[in-house]
């Protein structure tokens, strides 16, 4: 019985670790996919962000 419990615990730990690893990688994958899909949008967004920063600097 104890061996089974240890094996179950090990499986759960492995499952948690793999889930954490996937969760850590997911944002990176998601961001790269978004950049590929919306290349123009990303460039446009970056330009808009730069413009906003310049405006805020002028105001300050």
N, C-alpha and C. Protein backbone atom coordinates (compact mmCIF):
# COMPACT_ATOMS: atom_id res chain seq x y z
N UNK A 1 0.83 -1.22 0.00
CA UNK A 1 0.00 0.00 0.00
C UNK A 1 0.87 1.27 0.00
N UNK A 2 1.91 1.25 0.85
CA UNK A 2 2.76 2.46 0.94
C UNK A 2 3.46 2.72 -0.39
N UNK A 3 3.89 1.65 -1.06
CA UNK A 3 4.54 1.84 -2.36
C UNK A 3 3.59 2.50 -3.34
N UNK A 4 2.34 2.03 -3.37
CA UNK A 4 1.35 2.62 -4.26
C UNK A 4 1.18 4.10 -3.94
N UNK A 5 1.13 4.40 -2.65
CA UNK A 5 0.94 5.80 -2.25
C UNK A 5 2.13 6.65 -2.73
N UNK A 6 3.34 6.10 -2.56
CA UNK A 6 4.52 6.85 -3.01
C UNK A 6 4.49 7.06 -4.52
N UNK A 7 4.08 6.02 -5.25
CA UNK A 7 4.01 6.15 -6.71
C UNK A 7 2.98 7.21 -7.10
N UNK A 8 1.83 7.18 -6.42
CA UNK A 8 0.81 8.19 -6.70
C UNK A 8 1.35 9.58 -6.42
N UNK A 9 2.04 9.71 -5.29
CA UNK A 9 2.58 11.03 -4.93
C UNK A 9 3.59 11.48 -5.98
N UNK A 10 4.43 10.56 -6.43
CA UNK A 10 5.43 10.90 -7.45
C UNK A 10 4.73 11.32 -8.75
N UNK A 11 3.68 10.58 -9.13
CA UNK A 11 2.94 10.95 -10.35
C UNK A 11 2.35 12.34 -10.22
N UNK A 12 1.73 12.60 -9.06
CA UNK A 12 1.14 13.92 -8.86
C UNK A 12 2.21 15.01 -8.94
N UNK A 13 3.37 14.75 -8.34
CA UNK A 13 4.43 15.76 -8.36
C UNK A 13 4.89 16.00 -9.79
N UNK A 14 5.07 14.92 -10.54
CA UNK A 14 5.49 15.07 -11.95
C UNK A 14 4.44 15.85 -12.74
N UNK A 15 3.17 15.52 -12.48
CA UNK A 15 2.09 16.20 -13.21
C UNK A 15 2.10 17.69 -12.88
N UNK A 16 2.27 18.02 -11.59
CA UNK A 16 2.31 19.43 -11.19
C UNK A 16 3.49 20.14 -11.84
N UNK A 17 4.66 19.47 -11.82
CA UNK A 17 5.84 20.10 -12.41
C UNK A 17 5.64 20.36 -13.91
N UNK A 18 5.08 19.38 -14.62
CA UNK A 18 4.87 19.56 -16.06
C UNK A 18 3.86 20.68 -16.30
N UNK A 19 2.81 20.75 -15.46
CA UNK A 19 1.82 21.82 -15.61
C UNK A 19 2.47 23.17 -15.38
N UNK A 20 3.32 23.25 -14.34
CA UNK A 20 4.00 24.52 -14.06
C UNK A 20 4.91 24.90 -15.22
N UNK A 21 5.61 23.90 -15.76
CA UNK A 21 6.52 24.17 -16.87
C UNK A 21 5.73 24.68 -18.07
N UNK A 22 4.60 24.02 -18.37
CA UNK A 22 3.76 24.47 -19.49
C UNK A 22 3.23 25.87 -19.24
N UNK A 23 2.82 26.14 -18.00
CA UNK A 23 2.29 27.46 -17.68
C UNK A 23 3.37 28.52 -17.84
N UNK A 24 4.61 28.16 -17.49
CA UNK A 24 5.71 29.11 -17.63
C UNK A 24 6.01 29.38 -19.11
N UNK A 25 5.89 28.32 -19.93
CA UNK A 25 6.20 28.49 -21.35
C UNK A 25 5.05 29.11 -22.13
N UNK A 26 3.84 28.95 -21.63
CA UNK A 26 2.67 29.36 -22.42
C UNK A 26 2.72 30.84 -22.83
N UNK A 27 3.01 31.78 -21.92
CA UNK A 27 3.05 33.20 -22.33
C UNK A 27 4.03 33.45 -23.48
N UNK A 28 5.21 32.79 -23.41
CA UNK A 28 6.21 32.99 -24.46
C UNK A 28 5.67 32.49 -25.80
N UNK A 29 5.11 31.27 -25.80
CA UNK A 29 4.56 30.71 -27.02
C UNK A 29 3.43 31.59 -27.54
N UNK A 30 2.56 32.01 -26.62
CA UNK A 30 1.41 32.82 -27.00
C UNK A 30 1.88 34.14 -27.63
N UNK A 31 2.89 34.75 -27.03
CA UNK A 31 3.38 36.03 -27.55
C UNK A 31 3.97 35.84 -28.95
N UNK A 32 4.77 34.79 -29.15
CA UNK A 32 5.37 34.59 -30.46
C UNK A 32 4.30 34.31 -31.51
N UNK A 33 3.27 33.52 -31.13
CA UNK A 33 2.18 33.26 -32.07
C UNK A 33 1.47 34.55 -32.43
N UNK A 34 1.23 35.40 -31.42
CA UNK A 34 0.52 36.64 -31.67
C UNK A 34 1.35 37.52 -32.61
N UNK A 35 2.66 37.56 -32.41
CA UNK A 35 3.50 38.38 -33.28
C UNK A 35 3.45 37.87 -34.71
N UNK A 36 3.46 36.54 -34.89
CA UNK A 36 3.40 35.99 -36.24
C UNK A 36 2.07 36.32 -36.89
N UNK A 37 0.98 36.17 -36.13
CA UNK A 37 -0.34 36.39 -36.70
C UNK A 37 -0.56 37.87 -36.99
N UNK A 38 -0.18 38.73 -36.06
CA UNK A 38 -0.47 40.16 -36.20
C UNK A 38 0.84 40.95 -36.27
N UNK A 39 1.64 40.68 -37.29
CA UNK A 39 2.92 41.38 -37.41
C UNK A 39 2.71 42.87 -37.56
N UNK A 40 1.80 43.25 -38.45
CA UNK A 40 1.56 44.68 -38.69
C UNK A 40 0.99 45.32 -37.43
N UNK A 41 0.08 44.60 -36.78
CA UNK A 41 -0.55 45.14 -35.57
C UNK A 41 0.50 45.38 -34.50
N UNK A 42 1.45 44.46 -34.36
CA UNK A 42 2.48 44.62 -33.33
C UNK A 42 3.34 45.86 -33.64
N UNK A 43 3.72 46.02 -34.89
CA UNK A 43 4.52 47.18 -35.26
C UNK A 43 3.73 48.46 -35.01
N UNK A 44 2.46 48.44 -35.38
CA UNK A 44 1.60 49.60 -35.16
C UNK A 44 1.50 49.91 -33.68
N UNK A 45 1.33 48.87 -32.88
CA UNK A 45 1.19 49.03 -31.43
C UNK A 45 2.48 49.61 -30.85
N UNK A 46 3.61 49.11 -31.33
CA UNK A 46 4.90 49.61 -30.84
C UNK A 46 5.05 51.10 -31.17
N UNK A 47 4.70 51.47 -32.40
CA UNK A 47 4.79 52.88 -32.79
C UNK A 47 3.88 53.74 -31.91
N UNK A 48 2.67 53.23 -31.64
CA UNK A 48 1.72 53.97 -30.82
C UNK A 48 2.30 54.16 -29.41
N UNK A 49 2.93 53.10 -28.89
CA UNK A 49 3.50 53.18 -27.55
C UNK A 49 4.62 54.23 -27.51
N UNK A 50 5.48 54.21 -28.54
CA UNK A 50 6.57 55.19 -28.60
C UNK A 50 6.00 56.60 -28.65
N UNK A 51 4.97 56.79 -29.47
CA UNK A 51 4.36 58.11 -29.61
C UNK A 51 3.79 58.57 -28.25
N UNK A 52 3.15 57.65 -27.54
CA UNK A 52 2.59 58.00 -26.22
C UNK A 52 3.71 58.40 -25.27
N UNK A 53 4.82 57.68 -25.29
CA UNK A 53 5.94 58.01 -24.41
C UNK A 53 6.47 59.40 -24.74
N UNK A 54 6.61 59.71 -26.02
CA UNK A 54 7.11 61.02 -26.42
C UNK A 54 6.16 62.11 -25.93
N UNK A 55 4.86 61.90 -26.09
CA UNK A 55 3.88 62.89 -25.64
C UNK A 55 3.97 63.09 -24.14
N UNK A 56 4.09 62.00 -23.38
CA UNK A 56 4.14 62.12 -21.92
C UNK A 56 5.42 62.85 -21.51
N UNK A 57 6.53 62.63 -22.23
CA UNK A 57 7.77 63.32 -21.91
C UNK A 57 7.62 64.81 -22.17
N UNK A 58 6.97 65.17 -23.27
CA UNK A 58 6.78 66.59 -23.59
C UNK A 58 5.90 67.24 -22.53
N UNK A 59 4.85 66.55 -22.10
CA UNK A 59 3.96 67.10 -21.08
C UNK A 59 4.72 67.29 -19.77
N UNK A 60 5.54 66.27 -19.40
CA UNK A 60 6.25 66.34 -18.13
C UNK A 60 7.35 67.35 -18.23
